[in-house]
C-alpha atoms as a PDB file:
ATOM      1  CA  MET A   1     -84.535 -26.341 166.827  1.00  0.00           C
ATOM      2  CA  ALA A   2     -84.487 -29.792 165.361  1.00  0.00           C
ATOM      3  CA  GLY A   3     -82.600 -30.438 161.720  1.00  0.00           C
ATOM      4  CA  PHE A   4     -84.605 -30.071 158.408  1.00  0.00           C
ATOM      5  CA  GLY A   5     -84.577 -31.243 155.055  1.00  0.00           C
ATOM      6  CA  GLY A   6     -80.394 -32.071 154.059  1.00  0.00           C
ATOM      7  CA  GLY A   7     -79.639 -31.463 157.776  1.00  0.00           C
ATOM      8  CA  GLY A   8     -79.241 -27.962 157.723  1.00  0.00           C
ATOM      9  CA  ALA A   9     -81.211 -25.877 160.285  1.00  0.00           C
ATOM     10  CA  PHE A  10     -84.512 -24.788 160.011  1.00  0.00           C
ATOM     11  CA  ASN A  11     -84.862 -21.160 158.742  1.00  0.00           C
ATOM     12  CA  GLN A  12     -88.320 -19.618 159.283  1.00  0.00           C
ATOM     13  CA  GLN A  13     -87.253 -16.541 157.608  1.00  0.00           C
ATOM     14  CA  ALA A  14     -86.781 -18.200 155.469  1.00  0.00           C
ATOM     15  CA  LEU A  15     -89.846 -19.634 154.869  1.00  0.00           C
ATOM     16  CA  MET A  16     -91.616 -16.582 155.964  1.00  0.00           C
ATOM     17  CA  LYS A  17     -90.006 -15.068 152.419  1.00  0.00           C
ATOM     18  CA  SER A  18     -90.448 -17.630 150.817  1.00  0.00           C
ATOM     19  CA  PHE A  19     -94.337 -17.357 151.848  1.00  0.00           C
ATOM     20  CA  GLN A  20     -94.821 -13.464 151.047  1.00  0.00           C
ATOM     21  CA  LYS A  21     -93.250 -14.546 147.589  1.00  0.00           C
ATOM     22  CA  ILE A  22     -96.675 -17.207 146.768  1.00  0.00           C
ATOM     23  CA  GLN A  23     -98.720 -14.335 148.837  1.00  0.00           C
ATOM     24  CA  ASN A  24     -97.578 -11.512 146.270  1.00  0.00           C
ATOM     25  CA  LEU A  25     -97.700 -13.525 143.489  1.00  0.00           C
ATOM     26  CA  GLN A  26    -101.261 -15.069 144.162  1.00  0.00           C
ATOM     27  CA  GLU A  27    -102.098 -10.625 144.471  1.00  0.00           C
ATOM     28  CA  GLU A  28    -100.232 -10.482 140.366  1.00  0.00           C
ATOM     29  CA  MET A  29    -102.233 -13.795 139.107  1.00  0.00           C
ATOM     30  CA  GLU A  30    -105.086 -12.619 140.291  1.00  0.00           C
ATOM     31  CA  ALA A  31    -104.584  -8.957 138.491  1.00  0.00           C
ATOM     32  CA  ALA A  32    -103.257 -10.440 135.561  1.00  0.00           C
ATOM     33  CA  ARG A  33    -105.321 -10.369 132.344  1.00  0.00           C
ATOM     34  CA  VAL A  34    -105.167 -13.549 129.903  1.00  0.00           C
ATOM     35  CA  GLU A  35    -106.096 -13.801 126.106  1.00  0.00           C
ATOM     36  CA  ALA A  36    -107.167 -16.387 123.923  1.00  0.00           C
ATOM     37  CA  THR A  37    -109.362 -16.159 120.726  1.00  0.00           C
ATOM     38  CA  SER A  38    -110.877 -19.013 119.125  1.00  0.00           C
ATOM     39  CA  GLY A  39    -112.283 -18.627 114.972  1.00  0.00           C
ATOM     40  CA  GLY A  40    -109.186 -17.135 113.385  1.00  0.00           C
ATOM     41  CA  GLY A  41    -109.997 -14.133 116.131  1.00  0.00           C
ATOM     42  CA  MET A  42    -113.915 -13.744 115.746  1.00  0.00           C
ATOM     43  CA  VAL A  43    -114.549 -14.403 119.879  1.00  0.00           C
ATOM     44  CA  THR A  44    -112.101 -12.689 121.917  1.00  0.00           C
ATOM     45  CA  ALA A  45    -111.836 -14.051 125.928  1.00  0.00           C
ATOM     46  CA  VAL A  46    -109.758 -13.297 128.046  1.00  0.00           C
ATOM     47  CA  VAL A  47    -109.686 -14.017 132.358  1.00  0.00           C
ATOM     48  CA  SER A  48    -107.912 -12.823 134.704  1.00  0.00           C
ATOM     49  CA  GLY A  49    -104.870 -15.169 136.097  1.00  0.00           C
ATOM     50  CA  ALA A  50    -107.007 -17.280 138.134  1.00  0.00           C
ATOM     51  CA  GLY A  51    -109.442 -18.541 135.748  1.00  0.00           C
ATOM     52  CA  GLN A  52    -112.302 -16.088 135.995  1.00  0.00           C
ATOM     53  CA  LEU A  53    -113.744 -15.014 132.804  1.00  0.00           C
ATOM     54  CA  VAL A  54    -113.410 -10.795 132.388  1.00  0.00           C
ATOM     55  CA  SER A  55    -114.402 -10.229 128.992  1.00  0.00           C
ATOM     56  CA  VAL A  56    -115.777 -11.454 125.853  1.00  0.00           C
ATOM     57  CA  THR A  57    -115.944  -9.852 122.625  1.00  0.00           C
ATOM     58  CA  ILE A  58    -117.476 -11.249 119.454  1.00  0.00           C
ATOM     59  CA  ASN A  59    -116.841  -9.448 115.884  1.00  0.00           C
ATOM     60  CA  PRO A  60    -120.596  -8.590 114.643  1.00  0.00           C
ATOM     61  CA  GLU A  61    -119.340 -10.476 111.724  1.00  0.00           C
ATOM     62  CA  VAL A  62    -119.540 -14.261 113.034  1.00  0.00           C
ATOM     63  CA  VAL A  63    -122.946 -13.168 114.365  1.00  0.00           C
ATOM     64  CA  ASP A  64    -125.088 -15.361 112.539  1.00  0.00           C
ATOM     65  CA  PRO A  65    -128.996 -15.654 113.674  1.00  0.00           C
ATOM     66  CA  GLU A  66    -129.131 -19.022 111.988  1.00  0.00           C
ATOM     67  CA  ASP A  67    -125.786 -20.281 113.871  1.00  0.00           C
ATOM     68  CA  VAL A  68    -125.988 -18.683 117.288  1.00  0.00           C
ATOM     69  CA  GLU A  69    -124.490 -22.574 118.240  1.00  0.00           C
ATOM     70  CA  MET A  70    -121.343 -22.004 116.073  1.00  0.00           C
ATOM     71  CA  LEU A  71    -121.042 -18.806 118.243  1.00  0.00           C
ATOM     72  CA  GLU A  72    -121.093 -20.854 121.482  1.00  0.00           C
ATOM     73  CA  ASP A  73    -119.228 -23.514 120.711  1.00  0.00           C
ATOM     74  CA  LEU A  74    -116.479 -19.984 119.427  1.00  0.00           C
ATOM     75  CA  ILE A  75    -117.023 -18.400 122.964  1.00  0.00           C
ATOM     76  CA  VAL A  76    -116.892 -21.749 124.335  1.00  0.00           C
ATOM     77  CA  SER A  77    -113.285 -22.586 122.565  1.00  0.00           C
ATOM     78  CA  ALA A  78    -112.273 -19.142 123.612  1.00  0.00           C
ATOM     79  CA  VAL A  79    -112.721 -19.117 126.879  1.00  0.00           C
ATOM     80  CA  HIS A  80    -111.573 -22.347 127.712  1.00  0.00           C
ATOM     81  CA  GLU A  81    -107.788 -21.891 126.011  1.00  0.00           C
ATOM     82  CA  ALA A  82    -107.669 -18.313 128.426  1.00  0.00           C
ATOM     83  CA  GLN A  83    -108.233 -21.141 131.221  1.00  0.00           C
ATOM     84  CA  GLU A  84    -105.617 -22.895 130.334  1.00  0.00           C
ATOM     85  CA  LYS A  85    -103.563 -20.914 129.018  1.00  0.00           C
ATOM     86  CA  ALA A  86    -104.134 -18.786 132.768  1.00  0.00           C
ATOM     87  CA  ALA A  87    -103.178 -21.842 134.933  1.00  0.00           C
ATOM     88  CA  GLU A  88    -100.180 -22.502 132.799  1.00  0.00           C
ATOM     89  CA  GLU A  89     -98.302 -19.771 133.845  1.00  0.00           C
ATOM     90  CA  ASN A  90     -99.561 -20.410 136.699  1.00  0.00           C
ATOM     91  CA  LYS A  91     -97.509 -23.012 137.739  1.00  0.00           C
ATOM     92  CA  GLN A  92     -94.622 -21.834 135.409  1.00  0.00           C
ATOM     93  CA  LYS A  93     -94.483 -18.616 138.377  1.00  0.00           C
ATOM     94  CA  MET A  94     -94.861 -20.483 140.691  1.00  0.00           C
ATOM     95  CA  MET A  95     -92.930 -23.782 140.551  1.00  0.00           C
ATOM     96  CA  SER A  96     -90.177 -20.795 139.552  1.00  0.00           C
ATOM     97  CA  ILE A  97     -90.759 -19.573 143.193  1.00  0.00           C
ATOM     98  CA  THR A  98     -91.050 -22.890 144.880  1.00  0.00           C
ATOM     99  CA  GLY A  99     -88.209 -24.324 143.293  1.00  0.00           C
ATOM    100  CA  GLY A 100     -89.919 -26.872 140.862  1.00  0.00           C
ATOM    101  CA  LEU A 101     -91.765 -28.457 144.808  1.00  0.00           C
ATOM    102  CA  LYS A 102     -95.169 -29.103 144.778  1.00  0.00           C
ATOM    103  CA  ILE A 103     -97.365 -27.706 147.184  1.00  0.00           C
ATOM    104  CA  PRO A 104    -101.101 -29.119 147.605  1.00  0.00           C
ATOM    105  CA  GLY A 105    -103.631 -26.900 146.541  1.00  0.00           C
ATOM    106  CA  MET A 106    -101.177 -23.976 145.106  1.00  0.00           C
ATOM    107  CA  PHE A 107    -101.409 -25.109 141.323  1.00  0.00           C
END
């Protein structure tokens, strides 16, 4: 087979192992849970490693029927922060496997 990269022989087995590692990491990320809070811990959001919302916990003290808008903002903030944390963790883990090589669609 033709050379790959710096003139070394293309190693299909090594490539397959790398893809398996990436697939395993993606499965781990799906199972992972990332938590973030807003309002000093008044709202907690948990997302999967893939960034999907899993749960929201609201401290009863923050529930004010006269100020629902503030509660909505706290929820959005907590969810957004948790999603950003999950994305950053995924990016770091993927970069450790790919050696910094950016693979389109992976992160």
